[in-house]
């Protein structure tokens, strides 16, 4: 977590929400990019779509829909986003959804400035799993949170 925060300090503020949200739930990068406004409802977030490269798919990698309560932190992230008319929650300055290339370039530039080497996938997804295990959570719980079938 310490390394994540060090890198995030170098991510331009306008882009931090998408990274923070992915880290909060351990989302795949294609999943956080694909969150549309219809997936945020009644204090819950449904992970039901994913980008594969730049193709929007109406299912996740496993084909399962995962739903989570919005944590106060996640709600704060959502509430902090600028209003826009597009369907996606997290968008670039031009109103279009982030691409994998955009997010990785932003992350790698921040890593370079922070003097830390950590892949975005590991920072967003792997790190949450490790943190949960370090807290003593059962492996099956971590599996469920991350949406792993096995």
N, C-alpha and C. Protein backbone atom coordinates (compact mmCIF):
# COMPACT_ATOMS: atom_id res chain seq x y z
N UNK A 1 0.82 -1.19 0.00
CA UNK A 1 0.00 0.00 0.00
C UNK A 1 0.86 1.26 0.00
N UNK A 2 1.95 1.20 0.72
CA UNK A 2 2.83 2.36 0.80
C UNK A 2 3.36 2.71 -0.60
N UNK A 3 3.79 1.69 -1.34
CA UNK A 3 4.29 1.93 -2.69
C UNK A 3 3.18 2.48 -3.60
N UNK A 4 1.98 1.94 -3.46
CA UNK A 4 0.86 2.42 -4.27
C UNK A 4 0.65 3.91 -4.03
N UNK A 5 0.64 4.31 -2.78
CA UNK A 5 0.41 5.72 -2.45
C UNK A 5 1.54 6.60 -2.97
N UNK A 6 2.77 6.09 -2.91
CA UNK A 6 3.90 6.86 -3.43
C UNK A 6 3.75 7.09 -4.93
N UNK A 7 3.34 6.05 -5.65
CA UNK A 7 3.15 6.20 -7.09
C UNK A 7 1.95 7.10 -7.38
N UNK A 8 0.84 6.88 -6.67
CA UNK A 8 -0.35 7.69 -6.89
C UNK A 8 -0.09 9.18 -6.69
N UNK A 9 0.84 9.52 -5.83
CA UNK A 9 1.17 10.93 -5.61
C UNK A 9 1.70 11.58 -6.88
N UNK A 10 2.24 10.78 -7.80
CA UNK A 10 2.77 11.30 -9.06
C UNK A 10 1.79 11.15 -10.22
N UNK A 11 0.66 10.50 -10.00
CA UNK A 11 -0.37 10.41 -11.02
C UNK A 11 -1.11 11.75 -11.02
N UNK A 12 -1.27 12.38 -12.18
CA UNK A 12 -2.00 13.64 -12.20
C UNK A 12 -3.37 13.48 -11.53
N UNK A 13 -3.74 14.45 -10.73
CA UNK A 13 -4.94 14.37 -9.91
C UNK A 13 -6.18 14.00 -10.71
N UNK A 14 -6.30 14.49 -11.92
CA UNK A 14 -7.47 14.22 -12.75
C UNK A 14 -7.62 12.72 -13.05
N UNK A 15 -6.51 11.98 -13.04
CA UNK A 15 -6.54 10.55 -13.37
C UNK A 15 -6.57 9.64 -12.14
N UNK A 16 -6.33 10.16 -10.98
CA UNK A 16 -6.24 9.32 -9.78
C UNK A 16 -7.51 8.50 -9.50
N UNK A 17 -8.71 9.05 -9.71
CA UNK A 17 -9.90 8.28 -9.34
C UNK A 17 -9.99 6.89 -9.97
N UNK A 18 -9.66 6.76 -11.22
CA UNK A 18 -9.78 5.45 -11.87
C UNK A 18 -8.81 4.45 -11.25
N UNK A 19 -7.61 4.89 -10.90
CA UNK A 19 -6.64 4.01 -10.26
C UNK A 19 -7.09 3.64 -8.85
N UNK A 20 -7.52 4.62 -8.10
CA UNK A 20 -7.95 4.38 -6.72
C UNK A 20 -9.15 3.42 -6.68
N UNK A 21 -10.08 3.60 -7.61
CA UNK A 21 -11.27 2.73 -7.63
C UNK A 21 -10.87 1.29 -7.96
N UNK A 22 -9.99 1.12 -8.93
CA UNK A 22 -9.52 -0.23 -9.28
C UNK A 22 -8.85 -0.89 -8.08
N UNK A 23 -8.05 -0.12 -7.35
CA UNK A 23 -7.35 -0.66 -6.18
C UNK A 23 -8.31 -0.98 -5.04
N UNK A 24 -9.35 -0.19 -4.89
CA UNK A 24 -10.31 -0.42 -3.80
C UNK A 24 -10.98 -1.79 -3.91
N UNK A 25 -11.26 -2.22 -5.14
CA UNK A 25 -11.96 -3.49 -5.35
C UNK A 25 -11.11 -4.57 -6.00
N UNK A 26 -9.86 -4.27 -6.30
CA UNK A 26 -9.00 -5.26 -6.95
C UNK A 26 -9.47 -5.59 -8.36
N UNK A 27 -9.94 -4.59 -9.07
CA UNK A 27 -10.50 -4.81 -10.40
C UNK A 27 -9.42 -4.98 -11.46
N UNK A 28 -9.76 -5.78 -12.45
CA UNK A 28 -8.92 -5.85 -13.64
C UNK A 28 -9.01 -4.50 -14.33
N UNK A 29 -7.97 -4.11 -15.04
CA UNK A 29 -7.96 -2.80 -15.70
C UNK A 29 -9.08 -2.71 -16.72
N UNK A 30 -9.32 -3.78 -17.45
CA UNK A 30 -10.42 -3.79 -18.43
C UNK A 30 -11.79 -3.66 -17.78
N UNK A 31 -11.91 -4.10 -16.53
CA UNK A 31 -13.18 -3.99 -15.81
C UNK A 31 -13.43 -2.56 -15.35
N UNK A 32 -12.42 -1.92 -14.77
CA UNK A 32 -12.63 -0.55 -14.27
C UNK A 32 -12.86 0.40 -15.44
N UNK A 33 -12.20 0.17 -16.55
CA UNK A 33 -12.41 1.00 -17.74
C UNK A 33 -13.84 0.89 -18.25
N UNK A 34 -14.46 -0.27 -18.07
CA UNK A 34 -15.78 -0.57 -18.65
C UNK A 34 -16.95 -0.24 -17.73
N UNK A 35 -16.70 0.30 -16.55
CA UNK A 35 -17.81 0.61 -15.65
C UNK A 35 -18.64 1.73 -16.25
N UNK A 36 -19.90 1.43 -16.43
CA UNK A 36 -20.83 2.43 -16.95
C UNK A 36 -21.73 2.90 -15.81
N UNK A 37 -22.34 4.04 -16.02
CA UNK A 37 -23.17 4.65 -14.98
C UNK A 37 -24.30 3.72 -14.53
N UNK A 38 -24.81 2.88 -15.42
CA UNK A 38 -25.90 1.98 -15.04
C UNK A 38 -25.45 0.90 -14.06
N UNK A 39 -24.16 0.74 -13.87
CA UNK A 39 -23.63 -0.27 -12.95
C UNK A 39 -23.51 0.24 -11.52
N UNK A 40 -23.73 1.53 -11.33
CA UNK A 40 -23.66 2.14 -10.00
C UNK A 40 -25.08 2.52 -9.60
N UNK A 41 -25.62 1.75 -8.64
CA UNK A 41 -27.02 1.98 -8.28
C UNK A 41 -27.28 1.53 -6.85
N UNK A 42 -28.03 2.35 -6.12
CA UNK A 42 -28.47 2.01 -4.77
C UNK A 42 -27.32 1.60 -3.85
N UNK A 43 -26.22 2.34 -3.93
CA UNK A 43 -25.10 2.07 -3.05
C UNK A 43 -24.32 0.81 -3.38
N UNK A 44 -24.49 0.31 -4.62
CA UNK A 44 -23.79 -0.90 -5.06
C UNK A 44 -23.14 -0.64 -6.40
N UNK A 45 -22.12 -1.43 -6.67
CA UNK A 45 -21.44 -1.39 -7.96
C UNK A 45 -21.46 -2.80 -8.53
N UNK A 46 -21.89 -2.93 -9.78
CA UNK A 46 -21.89 -4.22 -10.46
C UNK A 46 -20.80 -4.23 -11.50
N UNK A 47 -19.95 -5.22 -11.42
CA UNK A 47 -18.89 -5.40 -12.41
C UNK A 47 -19.42 -6.43 -13.39
N UNK A 48 -19.90 -5.94 -14.53
CA UNK A 48 -20.59 -6.82 -15.47
C UNK A 48 -20.08 -6.71 -16.90
N UNK A 49 -19.12 -5.79 -17.11
CA UNK A 49 -18.55 -5.59 -18.44
C UNK A 49 -17.04 -5.52 -18.32
N UNK A 50 -16.39 -5.67 -19.45
CA UNK A 50 -14.94 -5.49 -19.48
C UNK A 50 -14.51 -5.11 -20.89
N UNK A 51 -13.44 -4.35 -20.95
CA UNK A 51 -12.82 -4.10 -22.23
C UNK A 51 -11.79 -5.19 -22.46
N UNK A 52 -11.78 -5.71 -23.66
CA UNK A 52 -10.72 -6.59 -24.10
C UNK A 52 -10.03 -5.82 -25.22
N UNK A 53 -8.82 -5.40 -24.98
CA UNK A 53 -8.17 -4.39 -25.82
C UNK A 53 -9.09 -3.17 -25.81
N UNK A 54 -9.62 -2.79 -26.95
CA UNK A 54 -10.55 -1.66 -26.96
C UNK A 54 -11.95 -2.06 -27.35
N UNK A 55 -12.24 -3.35 -27.26
CA UNK A 55 -13.58 -3.86 -27.55
C UNK A 55 -14.34 -4.02 -26.25
N UNK A 56 -15.48 -3.34 -26.13
CA UNK A 56 -16.31 -3.46 -24.95
C UNK A 56 -17.09 -4.77 -25.02
N UNK A 57 -16.97 -5.55 -23.98
CA UNK A 57 -17.67 -6.83 -23.89
C UNK A 57 -18.72 -6.74 -22.81
N UNK A 58 -19.85 -7.31 -23.05
CA UNK A 58 -20.96 -7.28 -22.09
C UNK A 58 -20.84 -8.40 -21.06
N UNK A 59 -19.62 -8.77 -20.76
CA UNK A 59 -19.36 -9.75 -19.71
C UNK A 59 -17.93 -9.56 -19.22
N UNK A 60 -17.67 -10.09 -18.05
CA UNK A 60 -16.32 -10.05 -17.50
C UNK A 60 -15.51 -11.21 -18.07
N UNK A 61 -14.26 -11.29 -17.70
CA UNK A 61 -13.39 -12.37 -18.16
C UNK A 61 -13.98 -13.74 -17.84
N UNK A 62 -14.56 -13.88 -16.64
CA UNK A 62 -15.13 -15.16 -16.23
C UNK A 62 -16.58 -15.33 -16.66
N UNK A 63 -17.20 -14.26 -17.13
CA UNK A 63 -18.61 -14.31 -17.51
C UNK A 63 -19.55 -14.06 -16.33
N UNK A 64 -18.98 -13.87 -15.15
CA UNK A 64 -19.79 -13.66 -13.95
C UNK A 64 -19.95 -12.16 -13.69
N UNK A 65 -21.11 -11.82 -13.12
CA UNK A 65 -21.32 -10.46 -12.64
C UNK A 65 -20.96 -10.46 -11.16
N UNK A 66 -20.13 -9.51 -10.76
CA UNK A 66 -19.79 -9.36 -9.35
C UNK A 66 -20.39 -8.06 -8.85
N UNK A 67 -21.04 -8.10 -7.71
CA UNK A 67 -21.64 -6.89 -7.14
C UNK A 67 -21.05 -6.66 -5.77
N UNK A 68 -20.73 -5.40 -5.50
CA UNK A 68 -20.15 -5.02 -4.22
C UNK A 68 -20.91 -3.83 -3.67
N UNK A 69 -20.96 -3.72 -2.36
CA UNK A 69 -21.43 -2.49 -1.74
C UNK A 69 -20.39 -1.42 -2.02
N UNK A 70 -20.85 -0.21 -2.26
CA UNK A 70 -19.90 0.89 -2.40
C UNK A 70 -19.37 1.23 -1.02
N UNK A 71 -18.08 1.14 -0.87
CA UNK A 71 -17.47 1.54 0.40
C UNK A 71 -17.56 3.07 0.49
N UNK A 72 -17.45 3.62 1.68
CA UNK A 72 -17.44 5.08 1.78
C UNK A 72 -16.34 5.71 0.91
N UNK A 73 -15.19 5.05 0.85
CA UNK A 73 -14.09 5.54 0.03
C UNK A 73 -14.46 5.52 -1.46
N UNK A 74 -15.07 4.42 -1.90
CA UNK A 74 -15.48 4.31 -3.31
C UNK A 74 -16.56 5.34 -3.63
N UNK A 75 -17.49 5.55 -2.71
CA UNK A 75 -18.54 6.55 -2.92
C UNK A 75 -17.93 7.94 -3.03
N UNK A 76 -16.93 8.21 -2.22
CA UNK A 76 -16.22 9.49 -2.27
C UNK A 76 -15.56 9.68 -3.64
N UNK A 77 -14.98 8.61 -4.17
CA UNK A 77 -14.35 8.67 -5.49
C UNK A 77 -15.40 9.00 -6.55
N UNK A 78 -16.51 8.29 -6.52
CA UNK A 78 -17.59 8.51 -7.50
C UNK A 78 -18.10 9.95 -7.39
N UNK A 79 -18.32 10.40 -6.17
CA UNK A 79 -18.86 11.75 -5.95
C UNK A 79 -17.89 12.84 -6.41
N UNK A 80 -16.60 12.53 -6.44
CA UNK A 80 -15.59 13.53 -6.81
C UNK A 80 -15.45 13.71 -8.32
N UNK A 81 -16.04 12.81 -9.09
CA UNK A 81 -15.86 12.85 -10.54
C UNK A 81 -16.61 14.01 -11.17
N UNK A 82 -16.02 14.64 -12.18
CA UNK A 82 -16.74 15.72 -12.87
C UNK A 82 -17.95 15.16 -13.61
N UNK A 83 -18.99 15.95 -13.69
CA UNK A 83 -20.20 15.54 -14.41
C UNK A 83 -19.93 15.55 -15.91
N UNK A 84 -20.41 14.51 -16.57
CA UNK A 84 -20.31 14.45 -18.03
C UNK A 84 -21.49 13.63 -18.55
N UNK A 85 -21.72 13.70 -19.85
CA UNK A 85 -22.91 13.09 -20.43
C UNK A 85 -22.69 11.69 -21.00
N UNK A 86 -21.47 11.22 -21.04
CA UNK A 86 -21.20 9.90 -21.59
C UNK A 86 -21.66 8.79 -20.66
N UNK A 87 -21.67 7.57 -21.15
CA UNK A 87 -22.17 6.44 -20.35
C UNK A 87 -21.16 5.88 -19.36
N UNK A 88 -19.86 6.16 -19.55
CA UNK A 88 -18.82 5.57 -18.71
C UNK A 88 -18.58 6.42 -17.46
N UNK A 89 -18.24 5.75 -16.38
CA UNK A 89 -17.97 6.44 -15.12
C UNK A 89 -16.62 7.14 -15.18
N UNK A 90 -15.60 6.43 -15.63
CA UNK A 90 -14.24 6.97 -15.67
C UNK A 90 -13.87 7.31 -17.11
N UNK A 91 -13.65 8.58 -17.35
CA UNK A 91 -13.33 9.02 -18.71
C UNK A 91 -12.12 9.96 -18.69
N UNK A 92 -11.49 10.06 -19.85
CA UNK A 92 -10.38 10.99 -20.03
C UNK A 92 -10.93 12.41 -20.17
N UNK A 93 -10.04 13.37 -20.34
CA UNK A 93 -10.44 14.77 -20.50
C UNK A 93 -11.35 14.97 -21.71
N UNK A 94 -11.21 14.11 -22.75
CA UNK A 94 -12.02 14.26 -23.96
C UNK A 94 -13.38 13.56 -23.85
N UNK A 95 -13.68 13.00 -22.67
CA UNK A 95 -14.98 12.36 -22.46
C UNK A 95 -15.06 10.91 -22.89
N UNK A 96 -13.99 10.40 -23.47
CA UNK A 96 -13.96 9.01 -23.92
C UNK A 96 -13.40 8.12 -22.81
N UNK A 97 -13.78 6.85 -22.81
CA UNK A 97 -13.23 5.96 -21.78
C UNK A 97 -11.71 5.80 -21.96
N UNK A 98 -11.05 5.55 -20.85
CA UNK A 98 -9.62 5.29 -20.89
C UNK A 98 -9.33 4.06 -21.73
N UNK A 99 -8.17 4.03 -22.33
CA UNK A 99 -7.68 2.83 -22.99
C UNK A 99 -6.65 2.18 -22.06
N UNK A 100 -6.38 0.94 -22.30
CA UNK A 100 -5.35 0.25 -21.54
C UNK A 100 -4.01 0.98 -21.70
N UNK A 101 -3.75 1.41 -22.93
CA UNK A 101 -2.51 2.12 -23.23
C UNK A 101 -2.43 3.42 -22.44
N UNK A 102 -3.55 4.19 -22.37
CA UNK A 102 -3.57 5.44 -21.59
C UNK A 102 -3.19 5.17 -20.14
N UNK A 103 -3.89 4.23 -19.52
CA UNK A 103 -3.70 3.98 -18.09
C UNK A 103 -2.30 3.47 -17.80
N UNK A 104 -1.80 2.57 -18.62
CA UNK A 104 -0.45 2.06 -18.39
C UNK A 104 0.60 3.15 -18.57
N UNK A 105 0.41 4.04 -19.53
CA UNK A 105 1.37 5.14 -19.74
C UNK A 105 1.37 6.08 -18.54
N UNK A 106 0.18 6.41 -18.05
CA UNK A 106 0.08 7.30 -16.88
C UNK A 106 0.75 6.63 -15.68
N UNK A 107 0.45 5.36 -15.47
CA UNK A 107 1.00 4.62 -14.33
C UNK A 107 2.52 4.51 -14.42
N UNK A 108 3.03 4.14 -15.59
CA UNK A 108 4.47 3.97 -15.75
C UNK A 108 5.22 5.29 -15.57
N UNK A 109 4.64 6.40 -16.04
CA UNK A 109 5.28 7.70 -15.84
C UNK A 109 5.35 8.04 -14.35
N UNK A 110 4.27 7.73 -13.63
CA UNK A 110 4.25 7.99 -12.19
C UNK A 110 5.25 7.09 -11.46
N UNK A 111 5.34 5.84 -11.88
CA UNK A 111 6.32 4.92 -11.28
C UNK A 111 7.73 5.44 -11.47
N UNK A 112 8.01 5.90 -12.67
CA UNK A 112 9.35 6.42 -12.97
C UNK A 112 9.67 7.61 -12.07
N UNK A 113 8.71 8.53 -11.91
CA UNK A 113 8.93 9.70 -11.05
C UNK A 113 9.11 9.30 -9.59
N UNK A 114 8.37 8.25 -9.17
CA UNK A 114 8.45 7.80 -7.77
C UNK A 114 9.67 6.93 -7.52
N UNK A 115 10.29 6.45 -8.60
CA UNK A 115 11.43 5.56 -8.44
C UNK A 115 11.02 4.17 -7.97
N UNK A 116 9.83 3.76 -8.36
CA UNK A 116 9.28 2.46 -7.94
C UNK A 116 8.86 1.69 -9.19
N UNK A 117 9.17 0.40 -9.19
CA UNK A 117 8.75 -0.46 -10.30
C UNK A 117 7.65 -1.38 -9.81
N UNK A 118 6.44 -1.15 -10.28
CA UNK A 118 5.31 -2.02 -9.95
C UNK A 118 4.33 -1.94 -11.11
N UNK A 119 3.98 -3.08 -11.64
CA UNK A 119 3.04 -3.12 -12.76
C UNK A 119 1.66 -2.69 -12.28
N UNK A 120 0.93 -2.05 -13.16
CA UNK A 120 -0.40 -1.58 -12.81
C UNK A 120 -1.30 -2.73 -12.39
N UNK A 121 -1.25 -3.84 -13.11
CA UNK A 121 -2.07 -5.00 -12.75
C UNK A 121 -1.78 -5.44 -11.32
N UNK A 122 -0.50 -5.50 -10.98
CA UNK A 122 -0.13 -5.91 -9.62
C UNK A 122 -0.59 -4.90 -8.59
N UNK A 123 -0.48 -3.62 -8.90
CA UNK A 123 -0.89 -2.59 -7.95
C UNK A 123 -2.39 -2.61 -7.72
N UNK A 124 -3.15 -2.84 -8.78
CA UNK A 124 -4.60 -2.79 -8.67
C UNK A 124 -5.20 -4.09 -8.16
N UNK A 125 -4.73 -5.20 -8.63
CA UNK A 125 -5.40 -6.47 -8.38
C UNK A 125 -4.65 -7.36 -7.40
N UNK A 126 -3.42 -7.67 -7.70
CA UNK A 126 -2.63 -8.58 -6.89
C UNK A 126 -2.45 -8.04 -5.48
N UNK A 127 -2.24 -6.74 -5.39
CA UNK A 127 -2.00 -6.12 -4.09
C UNK A 127 -3.17 -6.30 -3.14
N UNK A 128 -4.40 -6.13 -3.64
CA UNK A 128 -5.57 -6.29 -2.76
C UNK A 128 -5.64 -7.71 -2.23
N UNK A 129 -5.41 -8.68 -3.08
CA UNK A 129 -5.43 -10.07 -2.63
C UNK A 129 -4.43 -10.32 -1.53
N UNK A 130 -3.22 -9.80 -1.69
CA UNK A 130 -2.18 -9.96 -0.66
C UNK A 130 -2.56 -9.25 0.62
N UNK A 131 -3.12 -8.06 0.50
CA UNK A 131 -3.53 -7.30 1.68
C UNK A 131 -4.60 -8.06 2.47
N UNK A 132 -5.56 -8.63 1.75
CA UNK A 132 -6.62 -9.39 2.42
C UNK A 132 -6.07 -10.63 3.12
N UNK A 133 -5.16 -11.33 2.47
CA UNK A 133 -4.55 -12.50 3.09
C UNK A 133 -3.73 -12.10 4.31
N UNK A 134 -3.01 -10.98 4.20
CA UNK A 134 -2.22 -10.49 5.34
C UNK A 134 -3.11 -10.13 6.52
N UNK A 135 -4.35 -9.73 6.24
CA UNK A 135 -5.31 -9.41 7.30
C UNK A 135 -5.94 -10.67 7.90
N UNK A 136 -5.58 -11.83 7.36
CA UNK A 136 -6.10 -13.08 7.89
C UNK A 136 -7.37 -13.56 7.22
N UNK A 137 -7.76 -12.95 6.12
CA UNK A 137 -8.96 -13.39 5.41
C UNK A 137 -8.71 -14.76 4.79
N UNK A 138 -9.76 -15.54 4.74
CA UNK A 138 -9.72 -16.87 4.16
C UNK A 138 -9.49 -16.78 2.65
N UNK A 139 -8.76 -17.76 2.12
CA UNK A 139 -8.47 -17.78 0.69
C UNK A 139 -9.75 -17.78 -0.16
N UNK A 140 -10.79 -18.47 0.29
CA UNK A 140 -12.04 -18.51 -0.47
C UNK A 140 -12.70 -17.12 -0.51
N UNK A 141 -12.53 -16.33 0.55
CA UNK A 141 -13.05 -14.96 0.57
C UNK A 141 -12.30 -14.11 -0.47
N UNK A 142 -10.99 -14.23 -0.49
CA UNK A 142 -10.17 -13.48 -1.45
C UNK A 142 -10.56 -13.89 -2.87
N UNK A 143 -10.75 -15.17 -3.07
CA UNK A 143 -11.16 -15.69 -4.37
C UNK A 143 -12.48 -15.06 -4.81
N UNK A 144 -13.42 -14.96 -3.90
CA UNK A 144 -14.73 -14.38 -4.20
C UNK A 144 -14.61 -12.89 -4.52
N UNK A 145 -13.86 -12.17 -3.70
CA UNK A 145 -13.69 -10.72 -3.90
C UNK A 145 -13.08 -10.44 -5.27
N UNK A 146 -12.06 -11.20 -5.64
CA UNK A 146 -11.38 -10.96 -6.91
C UNK A 146 -12.08 -11.59 -8.11
N UNK A 147 -13.12 -12.38 -7.84
CA UNK A 147 -13.85 -12.99 -8.93
C UNK A 147 -13.12 -14.14 -9.59
N UNK A 148 -12.28 -14.82 -8.84
CA UNK A 148 -11.59 -16.00 -9.37
C UNK A 148 -12.47 -17.21 -9.24
N UNK A 149 -12.48 -18.02 -10.26
CA UNK A 149 -13.25 -19.25 -10.17
C UNK A 149 -12.49 -20.33 -9.41
N UNK A 150 -11.17 -20.29 -9.48
CA UNK A 150 -10.35 -21.26 -8.76
C UNK A 150 -9.07 -20.62 -8.30
